[in-house]
Amino acid sequence: MNEKKECIVCRQKRERGIHILNRFLCDDCEKEIIESDSNHILYTYLVWRMRFLIHQDTEKELHG
């Protein structure tokens, strides 16, 4: 059995997904991102969440 990890988008513990910038994205959220219309509010939220996490990681690298 695989270890469950917390998804950066839905924050649910899942076994299957991908790692992006040392963060875990579950299969369900990956599918939502890929299949979402770029004009849909969910897509806007997903992009915002990813940008927030990238910014957060960058701040940690710069300021320790």
PDB file of N, CA and C in Angstrom:
ATOM      1  N   MET A   1       0.842  -1.194   0.000  1.00  0.00           N
ATOM      2  CA  MET A   1       0.000   0.000   0.000  1.00  0.00           C
ATOM      3  C   MET A   1       0.881   1.249   0.000  1.00  0.00           C
ATOM      4  N   ASN A   2       0.552   2.204  -0.859  1.00  0.00           N
ATOM      5  CA  ASN A   2       1.310   3.443  -0.956  1.00  0.00           C
ATOM      6  C   ASN A   2       0.970   4.380   0.194  1.00  0.00           C
ATOM      7  N   GLU A   3       1.927   5.237   0.506  1.00  0.00           N
ATOM      8  CA  GLU A   3       1.714   6.241   1.543  1.00  0.00           C
ATOM      9  C   GLU A   3       0.760   7.314   1.020  1.00  0.00           C
ATOM     10  N   LYS A   4      -0.178   7.725   1.845  1.00  0.00           N
ATOM     11  CA  LYS A   4      -1.106   8.788   1.462  1.00  0.00           C
ATOM     12  C   LYS A   4      -0.445  10.134   1.739  1.00  0.00           C
ATOM     13  N   LYS A   5      -0.599  11.045   0.784  1.00  0.00           N
ATOM     14  CA  LYS A   5      -0.027  12.379   0.901  1.00  0.00           C
ATOM     15  C   LYS A   5      -1.137  13.405   0.746  1.00  0.00           C
ATOM     16  N   GLU A   6      -0.931  14.583   1.321  1.00  0.00           N
ATOM     17  CA  GLU A   6      -1.950  15.631   1.244  1.00  0.00           C
ATOM     18  C   GLU A   6      -1.814  16.402  -0.059  1.00  0.00           C
ATOM     19  N   CYS A   7      -2.915  16.500  -0.785  1.00  0.00           N
ATOM     20  CA  CYS A   7      -2.958  17.232  -2.044  1.00  0.00           C
ATOM     21  C   CYS A   7      -2.902  18.731  -1.772  1.00  0.00           C
ATOM     22  N   ILE A   8      -2.132  19.450  -2.590  1.00  0.00           N
ATOM     23  CA  ILE A   8      -1.996  20.897  -2.400  1.00  0.00           C
ATOM     24  C   ILE A   8      -3.245  21.672  -2.774  1.00  0.00           C
ATOM     25  N   VAL A   9      -4.148  21.064  -3.512  1.00  0.00           N
ATOM     26  CA  VAL A   9      -5.367  21.759  -3.938  1.00  0.00           C
ATOM     27  C   VAL A   9      -6.540  21.397  -3.041  1.00  0.00           C
ATOM     28  N   CYS A  10      -6.889  20.122  -2.964  1.00  0.00           N
ATOM     29  CA  CYS A  10      -8.082  19.718  -2.199  1.00  0.00           C
ATOM     30  C   CYS A  10      -7.761  19.399  -0.741  1.00  0.00           C
ATOM     31  N   ARG A  11      -6.486  19.245  -0.435  1.00  0.00           N
ATOM     32  CA  ARG A  11      -5.991  18.957   0.922  1.00  0.00           C
ATOM     33  C   ARG A  11      -6.470  17.617   1.480  1.00  0.00           C
ATOM     34  N   GLN A  12      -6.897  16.745   0.589  1.00  0.00           N
ATOM     35  CA  GLN A  12      -7.288  15.392   0.989  1.00  0.00           C
ATOM     36  C   GLN A  12      -6.071  14.481   0.931  1.00  0.00           C
ATOM     37  N   LYS A  13      -6.066  13.455   1.759  1.00  0.00           N
ATOM     38  CA  LYS A  13      -4.985  12.465   1.743  1.00  0.00           C
ATOM     39  C   LYS A  13      -5.274  11.468   0.625  1.00  0.00           C
ATOM     40  N   ARG A  14      -4.330  11.353  -0.300  1.00  0.00           N
ATOM     41  CA  ARG A  14      -4.504  10.469  -1.454  1.00  0.00           C
ATOM     42  C   ARG A  14      -3.244   9.650  -1.684  1.00  0.00           C
ATOM     43  N   GLU A  15      -3.410   8.526  -2.351  1.00  0.00           N
ATOM     44  CA  GLU A  15      -2.274   7.674  -2.687  1.00  0.00           C
ATOM     45  C   GLU A  15      -1.695   7.987  -4.056  1.00  0.00           C
ATOM     46  N   ARG A  16      -2.562   8.371  -4.989  1.00  0.00           N
ATOM     47  CA  ARG A  16      -2.122   8.543  -6.372  1.00  0.00           C
ATOM     48  C   ARG A  16      -2.109  10.008  -6.779  1.00  0.00           C
ATOM     49  N   GLY A  17      -1.035  10.388  -7.479  1.00  0.00           N
ATOM     50  CA  GLY A  17      -0.913  11.748  -7.968  1.00  0.00           C
ATOM     51  C   GLY A  17       0.485  12.003  -8.490  1.00  0.00           C
ATOM     52  N   ILE A  18       0.795  13.274  -8.670  1.00  0.00           N
ATOM     53  CA  ILE A  18       2.106  13.667  -9.168  1.00  0.00           C
ATOM     54  C   ILE A  18       2.735  14.672  -8.211  1.00  0.00           C
ATOM     55  N   HIS A  19       4.033  14.837  -8.339  1.00  0.00           N
ATOM     56  CA  HIS A  19       4.755  15.829  -7.544  1.00  0.00           C
ATOM     57  C   HIS A  19       5.161  16.985  -8.448  1.00  0.00           C
ATOM     58  N   ILE A  20       4.859  18.200  -8.002  1.00  0.00           N
ATOM     59  CA  ILE A  20       5.231  19.421  -8.705  1.00  0.00           C
ATOM     60  C   ILE A  20       5.931  20.322  -7.699  1.00  0.00           C
ATOM     61  N   LEU A  21       7.170  20.672  -7.993  1.00  0.00           N
ATOM     62  CA  LEU A  21       7.949  21.527  -7.092  1.00  0.00           C
ATOM     63  C   LEU A  21       7.908  21.016  -5.650  1.00  0.00           C
ATOM     64  N   ASN A  22       8.151  19.743  -5.492  1.00  0.00           N
ATOM     65  CA  ASN A  22       8.159  19.086  -4.177  1.00  0.00           C
ATOM     66  C   ASN A  22       6.802  19.110  -3.472  1.00  0.00           C
ATOM     67  N   ARG A  23       5.743  19.337  -4.226  1.00  0.00           N
ATOM     68  CA  ARG A  23       4.388  19.300  -3.682  1.00  0.00           C
ATOM     69  C   ARG A  23       3.607  18.196  -4.374  1.00  0.00           C
ATOM     70  N   PHE A  24       2.594  17.683  -3.702  1.00  0.00           N
ATOM     71  CA  PHE A  24       1.790  16.582  -4.222  1.00  0.00           C
ATOM     72  C   PHE A  24       0.460  17.097  -4.756  1.00  0.00           C
ATOM     73  N   LEU A  25       0.121  16.661  -5.967  1.00  0.00           N
ATOM     74  CA  LEU A  25      -1.155  16.992  -6.604  1.00  0.00           C
ATOM     75  C   LEU A  25      -1.848  15.680  -6.918  1.00  0.00           C
ATOM     76  N   CYS A  26      -3.015  15.442  -6.315  1.00  0.00           N
ATOM     77  CA  CYS A  26      -3.707  14.170  -6.501  1.00  0.00           C
ATOM     78  C   CYS A  26      -4.234  14.028  -7.934  1.00  0.00           C
ATOM     79  N   ASP A  27      -4.487  12.797  -8.346  1.00  0.00           N
ATOM     80  CA  ASP A  27      -4.990  12.512  -9.689  1.00  0.00           C
ATOM     81  C   ASP A  27      -6.293  13.248  -9.983  1.00  0.00           C
ATOM     82  N   ASP A  28      -7.190  13.317  -8.992  1.00  0.00           N
ATOM     83  CA  ASP A  28      -8.480  13.981  -9.209  1.00  0.00           C
ATOM     84  C   ASP A  28      -8.308  15.470  -9.514  1.00  0.00           C
ATOM     85  N   CYS A  29      -7.447  16.140  -8.762  1.00  0.00           N
ATOM     86  CA  CYS A  29      -7.226  17.570  -8.986  1.00  0.00           C
ATOM     87  C   CYS A  29      -6.454  17.810 -10.277  1.00  0.00           C
ATOM     88  N   GLU A  30      -5.519  16.945 -10.588  1.00  0.00           N
ATOM     89  CA  GLU A  30      -4.801  17.053 -11.860  1.00  0.00           C
ATOM     90  C   GLU A  30      -5.802  16.988 -13.016  1.00  0.00           C
ATOM     91  N   LYS A  31      -6.723  16.049 -12.935  1.00  0.00           N
ATOM     92  CA  LYS A  31      -7.743  15.890 -13.975  1.00  0.00           C
ATOM     93  C   LYS A  31      -8.608  17.146 -14.065  1.00  0.00           C
ATOM     94  N   GLU A  32      -9.007  17.706 -12.911  1.00  0.00           N
ATOM     95  CA  GLU A  32      -9.812  18.928 -12.893  1.00  0.00           C
ATOM     96  C   GLU A  32      -9.084  20.073 -13.593  1.00  0.00           C
ATOM     97  N   ILE A  33      -7.787  20.213 -13.323  1.00  0.00           N
ATOM     98  CA  ILE A  33      -6.997  21.278 -13.938  1.00  0.00           C
ATOM     99  C   ILE A  33      -6.949  21.097 -15.453  1.00  0.00           C
ATOM    100  N   ILE A  34      -6.673  19.886 -15.879  1.00  0.00           N
ATOM    101  CA  ILE A  34      -6.543  19.598 -17.303  1.00  0.00           C
ATOM    102  C   ILE A  34      -7.856  19.797 -18.042  1.00  0.00           C
ATOM    103  N   GLU A  35      -8.949  19.384 -17.435  1.00  0.00           N
ATOM    104  CA  GLU A  35     -10.240  19.414 -18.114  1.00  0.00           C
ATOM    105  C   GLU A  35     -11.045  20.695 -17.901  1.00  0.00           C
ATOM    106  N   SER A  36     -10.607  21.569 -16.997  1.00  0.00           N
ATOM    107  CA  SER A  36     -11.356  22.795 -16.702  1.00  0.00           C
ATOM    108  C   SER A  36     -11.248  23.802 -17.830  1.00  0.00           C
ATOM    109  N   ASP A  37     -12.352  24.475 -18.080  1.00  0.00           N
ATOM    110  CA  ASP A  37     -12.375  25.594 -19.015  1.00  0.00           C
ATOM    111  C   ASP A  37     -11.659  26.765 -18.341  1.00  0.00           C
ATOM    112  N   SER A  38     -10.776  27.421 -19.061  1.00  0.00           N
ATOM    113  CA  SER A  38      -9.999  28.512 -18.467  1.00  0.00           C
ATOM    114  C   SER A  38     -10.858  29.695 -18.029  1.00  0.00           C
ATOM    115  N   ASN A  39     -12.110  29.748 -18.441  1.00  0.00           N
ATOM    116  CA  ASN A  39     -13.022  30.803 -18.017  1.00  0.00           C
ATOM    117  C   ASN A  39     -13.845  30.422 -16.794  1.00  0.00           C
ATOM    118  N   HIS A  40     -13.682  29.202 -16.312  1.00  0.00           N
ATOM    119  CA  HIS A  40     -14.458  28.708 -15.169  1.00  0.00           C
ATOM    120  C   HIS A  40     -13.798  29.146 -13.865  1.00  0.00           C
ATOM    121  N   ILE A  41     -14.596  29.427 -12.858  1.00  0.00           N
ATOM    122  CA  ILE A  41     -14.090  29.882 -11.559  1.00  0.00           C
ATOM    123  C   ILE A  41     -13.178  28.837 -10.904  1.00  0.00           C
ATOM    124  N   LEU A  42     -13.451  27.569 -11.093  1.00  0.00           N
ATOM    125  CA  LEU A  42     -12.606  26.520 -10.520  1.00  0.00           C
ATOM    126  C   LEU A  42     -11.198  26.601 -11.105  1.00  0.00           C
ATOM    127  N   TYR A  43     -11.094  26.820 -12.390  1.00  0.00           N
ATOM    128  CA  TYR A  43      -9.787  26.945 -13.034  1.00  0.00           C
ATOM    129  C   TYR A  43      -9.034  28.137 -12.448  1.00  0.00           C
ATOM    130  N   THR A  44      -9.726  29.244 -12.270  1.00  0.00           N
ATOM    131  CA  THR A  44      -9.108  30.441 -11.687  1.00  0.00           C
ATOM    132  C   THR A  44      -8.575  30.138 -10.294  1.00  0.00           C
ATOM    133  N   TYR A  45      -9.362  29.430  -9.488  1.00  0.00           N
ATOM    134  CA  TYR A  45      -8.919  29.059  -8.145  1.00  0.00           C
ATOM    135  C   TYR A  45      -7.693  28.156  -8.204  1.00  0.00           C
ATOM    136  N   LEU A  46      -7.709  27.171  -9.073  1.00  0.00           N
ATOM    137  CA  LEU A  46      -6.588  26.231  -9.169  1.00  0.00           C
ATOM    138  C   LEU A  46      -5.303  26.943  -9.567  1.00  0.00           C
ATOM    139  N   VAL A  47      -5.388  27.862 -10.506  1.00  0.00           N
ATOM    140  CA  VAL A  47      -4.211  28.634 -10.918  1.00  0.00           C
ATOM    141  C   VAL A  47      -3.733  29.509  -9.765  1.00  0.00           C
ATOM    142  N   TRP A  48      -4.660  30.152  -9.063  1.00  0.00           N
ATOM    143  CA  TRP A  48      -4.286  30.975  -7.911  1.00  0.00           C
ATOM    144  C   TRP A  48      -3.571  30.143  -6.852  1.00  0.00           C
ATOM    145  N   ARG A  49      -4.117  28.982  -6.568  1.00  0.00           N
ATOM    146  CA  ARG A  49      -3.531  28.113  -5.539  1.00  0.00           C
ATOM    147  C   ARG A  49      -2.117  27.688  -5.922  1.00  0.00           C
ATOM    148  N   MET A  50      -1.908  27.330  -7.165  1.00  0.00           N
ATOM    149  CA  MET A  50      -0.577  26.927  -7.624  1.00  0.00           C
ATOM    150  C   MET A  50       0.392  28.110  -7.535  1.00  0.00           C
ATOM    151  N   ARG A  51      -0.038  29.292  -7.940  1.00  0.00           N
ATOM    152  CA  ARG A  51       0.831  30.477  -7.849  1.00  0.00           C
ATOM    153  C   ARG A  51       1.179  30.790  -6.399  1.00  0.00           C
ATOM    154  N   PHE A  52       0.201  30.690  -5.521  1.00  0.00           N
ATOM    155  CA  PHE A  52       0.432  30.929  -4.100  1.00  0.00           C
ATOM    156  C   PHE A  52       1.507  29.991  -3.560  1.00  0.00           C
ATOM    157  N   LEU A  53       1.413  28.717  -3.896  1.00  0.00           N
ATOM    158  CA  LEU A  53       2.373  27.738  -3.396  1.00  0.00           C
ATOM    159  C   LEU A  53       3.765  27.955  -3.977  1.00  0.00           C
ATOM    160  N   ILE A  54       3.833  28.322  -5.246  1.00  0.00           N
ATOM    161  CA  ILE A  54       5.130  28.619  -5.851  1.00  0.00           C
ATOM    162  C   ILE A  54       5.754  29.827  -5.166  1.00  0.00           C
ATOM    163  N   HIS A  55       4.956  30.855  -4.935  1.00  0.00           N
ATOM    164  CA  HIS A  55       5.442  32.055  -4.248  1.00  0.00           C
ATOM    165  C   HIS A  55       5.905  31.712  -2.833  1.00  0.00           C
ATOM    166  N   GLN A  56       5.148  30.888  -2.147  1.00  0.00           N
ATOM    167  CA  GLN A  56       5.481  30.470  -0.789  1.00  0.00           C
ATOM    168  C   GLN A  56       6.827  29.750  -0.770  1.00  0.00           C
ATOM    169  N   ASP A  57       7.051  28.847  -1.714  1.00  0.00           N
ATOM    170  CA  ASP A  57       8.321  28.118  -1.798  1.00  0.00           C
ATOM    171  C   ASP A  57       9.472  29.069  -2.108  1.00  0.00           C
ATOM    172  N   THR A  58       9.242  30.041  -2.989  1.00  0.00           N
ATOM    173  CA  THR A  58      10.277  30.998  -3.351  1.00  0.00           C
ATOM    174  C   THR A  58      10.671  31.832  -2.142  1.00  0.00           C
ATOM    175  N   GLU A  59       9.697  32.275  -1.360  1.00  0.00           N
ATOM    176  CA  GLU A  59       9.963  33.055  -0.152  1.00  0.00           C
ATOM    177  C   GLU A  59      10.795  32.241   0.839  1.00  0.00           C
ATOM    178  N   LYS A  60      10.496  30.971   0.998  1.00  0.00           N
ATOM    179  CA  LYS A  60      11.252  30.118   1.913  1.00  0.00           C
ATOM    180  C   LYS A  60      12.702  30.008   1.473  1.00  0.00           C
ATOM    181  N   GLU A  61      12.921  29.863   0.161  1.00  0.00           N
ATOM    182  CA  GLU A  61      14.280  29.754  -0.365  1.00  0.00           C
ATOM    183  C   GLU A  61      15.055  31.054  -0.155  1.00  0.00           C
ATOM    184  N   LEU A  62      14.409  32.190  -0.329  1.00  0.00           N
ATOM    185  CA  LEU A  62      15.079  33.476  -0.203  1.00  0.00           C
ATOM    186  C   LEU A  62      15.360  33.869   1.238  1.00  0.00           C
ATOM    187  N   HIS A  63      14.417  33.561   2.118  1.00  0.00           N
ATOM    188  CA  HIS A  63      14.507  34.054   3.502  1.00  0.00           C
ATOM    189  C   HIS A  63      14.704  32.952   4.542  1.00  0.00           C
ATOM    190  N   GLY A  64      14.824  31.734   4.086  1.00  0.00           N
ATOM    191  CA  GLY A  64      15.080  30.629   5.012  1.00  0.00           C
ATOM    192  C   GLY A  64      13.964  30.158   5.764  1.00  0.00           C
TER     193      GLY A  64
END
